[in-house]
Amino acid sequence: MQIKSVSNNLYLNSAYEGKKIKDGKKESKIDSFELSDQARELSSKMDSQKLADIKQKIESNFYNSDEVISKISQKIYNVLKKS
């Protein structure tokens, strides 16, 4: 099984809001999101160096590599197979 992309909203509530704002004559949508209480709790417990490492990996597209995606999809498969 191969998964070619991973969503970045694993710990986000579905608080997408398609708000329209007037920009001269055009209307454009802005996106917003809200962290879940669980995500906030996790982030408060993590040390700042670990968070900086994760941020650097996100910015360098580390998590978008085939190797990482394959490992994640295999772990998801194993969890679902047990249920």
C-alpha atoms as a PDB file:
ATOM      1  CA  MET A   1       0.000   0.000   0.000  1.00  0.00           C
ATOM      2  CA  GLN A   2       1.340   3.409  -0.928  1.00  0.00           C
ATOM      3  CA  ILE A   3       0.151   6.820   0.179  1.00  0.00           C
ATOM      4  CA  LYS A   4       1.578   9.732  -1.777  1.00  0.00           C
ATOM      5  CA  SER A   5       0.699  12.615   0.542  1.00  0.00           C
ATOM      6  CA  VAL A   6      -0.082  13.198   4.169  1.00  0.00           C
ATOM      7  CA  SER A   7      -2.448  15.801   5.492  1.00  0.00           C
ATOM      8  CA  ASN A   8      -0.980  18.362   7.866  1.00  0.00           C
ATOM      9  CA  ASN A   9      -4.068  18.538  10.068  1.00  0.00           C
ATOM     10  CA  LEU A  10      -3.598  15.475  12.262  1.00  0.00           C
ATOM     11  CA  TYR A  11      -4.095  17.398  15.521  1.00  0.00           C
ATOM     12  CA  LEU A  12      -6.407  20.130  14.268  1.00  0.00           C
ATOM     13  CA  ASN A  13     -10.083  20.579  14.868  1.00  0.00           C
ATOM     14  CA  SER A  14     -12.069  21.021  11.716  1.00  0.00           C
ATOM     15  CA  ALA A  15     -12.455  24.740  12.285  1.00  0.00           C
ATOM     16  CA  TYR A  16     -11.905  25.801   8.671  1.00  0.00           C
ATOM     17  CA  GLU A  17     -13.757  28.987   8.029  1.00  0.00           C
ATOM     18  CA  GLY A  18     -14.167  30.303   4.525  1.00  0.00           C
ATOM     19  CA  LYS A  19     -14.505  33.927   5.612  1.00  0.00           C
ATOM     20  CA  LYS A  20     -14.846  36.454   2.858  1.00  0.00           C
ATOM     21  CA  ILE A  21     -13.142  39.785   3.152  1.00  0.00           C
ATOM     22  CA  LYS A  22     -13.500  42.658   0.771  1.00  0.00           C
ATOM     23  CA  ASP A  23     -10.268  43.676  -0.894  1.00  0.00           C
ATOM     24  CA  GLY A  24     -11.254  46.586  -3.074  1.00  0.00           C
ATOM     25  CA  LYS A  25     -13.695  45.101  -5.578  1.00  0.00           C
ATOM     26  CA  LYS A  26     -12.535  41.512  -5.110  1.00  0.00           C
ATOM     27  CA  GLU A  27     -13.593  39.175  -2.360  1.00  0.00           C
ATOM     28  CA  SER A  28     -11.062  36.639  -1.214  1.00  0.00           C
ATOM     29  CA  LYS A  29     -11.293  33.815   1.279  1.00  0.00           C
ATOM     30  CA  ILE A  30      -9.009  33.435   4.236  1.00  0.00           C
ATOM     31  CA  ASP A  31      -8.373  30.149   6.001  1.00  0.00           C
ATOM     32  CA  SER A  32      -8.161  29.715   9.711  1.00  0.00           C
ATOM     33  CA  PHE A  33      -7.641  26.813  12.050  1.00  0.00           C
ATOM     34  CA  GLU A  34      -7.871  26.098  15.721  1.00  0.00           C
ATOM     35  CA  LEU A  35      -5.720  23.696  17.709  1.00  0.00           C
ATOM     36  CA  SER A  36      -7.633  21.093  19.650  1.00  0.00           C
ATOM     37  CA  ASP A  37      -7.331  21.006  23.433  1.00  0.00           C
ATOM     38  CA  GLN A  38      -5.391  17.758  23.072  1.00  0.00           C
ATOM     39  CA  ALA A  39      -2.868  19.391  20.696  1.00  0.00           C
ATOM     40  CA  ARG A  40      -2.450  22.354  23.028  1.00  0.00           C
ATOM     41  CA  GLU A  41      -1.796  20.013  25.944  1.00  0.00           C
ATOM     42  CA  LEU A  42       0.768  18.044  23.946  1.00  0.00           C
ATOM     43  CA  SER A  43       2.584  21.176  22.810  1.00  0.00           C
ATOM     44  CA  SER A  44       2.778  22.532  26.356  1.00  0.00           C
ATOM     45  CA  LYS A  45       4.411  19.295  27.540  1.00  0.00           C
ATOM     46  CA  MET A  46       7.059  19.166  24.784  1.00  0.00           C
ATOM     47  CA  ASP A  47      10.356  20.898  25.285  1.00  0.00           C
ATOM     48  CA  SER A  48      11.216  23.807  23.013  1.00  0.00           C
ATOM     49  CA  GLN A  49      14.202  22.051  21.373  1.00  0.00           C
ATOM     50  CA  LYS A  50      12.050  19.115  20.281  1.00  0.00           C
ATOM     51  CA  LEU A  51       9.467  21.529  18.852  1.00  0.00           C
ATOM     52  CA  ALA A  52      12.237  23.410  17.004  1.00  0.00           C
ATOM     53  CA  ASP A  53      13.483  20.106  15.543  1.00  0.00           C
ATOM     54  CA  ILE A  54       9.978  19.199  14.363  1.00  0.00           C
ATOM     55  CA  LYS A  55       9.477  22.658  12.838  1.00  0.00           C
ATOM     56  CA  GLN A  56      12.802  22.361  10.973  1.00  0.00           C
ATOM     57  CA  LYS A  57      11.781  18.933   9.637  1.00  0.00           C
ATOM     58  CA  ILE A  58       8.441  20.311   8.433  1.00  0.00           C
ATOM     59  CA  GLU A  59      10.145  23.237   6.689  1.00  0.00           C
ATOM     60  CA  SER A  60      12.652  20.903   5.005  1.00  0.00           C
ATOM     61  CA  ASN A  61       9.825  18.593   3.797  1.00  0.00           C
ATOM     62  CA  PHE A  62      11.285  15.672   5.774  1.00  0.00           C
ATOM     63  CA  TYR A  63       7.811  14.285   6.434  1.00  0.00           C
ATOM     64  CA  ASN A  64       6.935  14.355   2.710  1.00  0.00           C
ATOM     65  CA  SER A  65       9.619  11.810   1.800  1.00  0.00           C
ATOM     66  CA  ASP A  66       8.541   8.427   0.450  1.00  0.00           C
ATOM     67  CA  GLU A  67      10.367   6.666   3.285  1.00  0.00           C
ATOM     68  CA  VAL A  68       8.513   8.551   6.037  1.00  0.00           C
ATOM     69  CA  ILE A  69       5.152   8.277   4.280  1.00  0.00           C
ATOM     70  CA  SER A  70       5.677   4.545   3.840  1.00  0.00           C
ATOM     71  CA  LYS A  71       6.509   4.066   7.544  1.00  0.00           C
ATOM     72  CA  ILE A  72       3.474   6.088   8.636  1.00  0.00           C
ATOM     73  CA  SER A  73       1.112   4.283   6.295  1.00  0.00           C
ATOM     74  CA  GLN A  74       2.445   0.908   7.490  1.00  0.00           C
ATOM     75  CA  LYS A  75       1.861   1.892  11.130  1.00  0.00           C
ATOM     76  CA  ILE A  76      -1.673   3.086  10.326  1.00  0.00           C
ATOM     77  CA  TYR A  77      -2.343  -0.175   8.492  1.00  0.00           C
ATOM     78  CA  ASN A  78      -1.075  -2.222  11.448  1.00  0.00           C
ATOM     79  CA  VAL A  79      -3.336  -0.311  13.879  1.00  0.00           C
ATOM     80  CA  LEU A  80      -6.381  -0.708  11.621  1.00  0.00           C
ATOM     81  CA  LYS A  81      -5.643  -4.388  11.069  1.00  0.00           C
ATOM     82  CA  LYS A  82      -5.787  -5.000  14.838  1.00  0.00           C
ATOM     83  CA  SER A  83      -9.213  -3.351  15.194  1.00  0.00           C
END
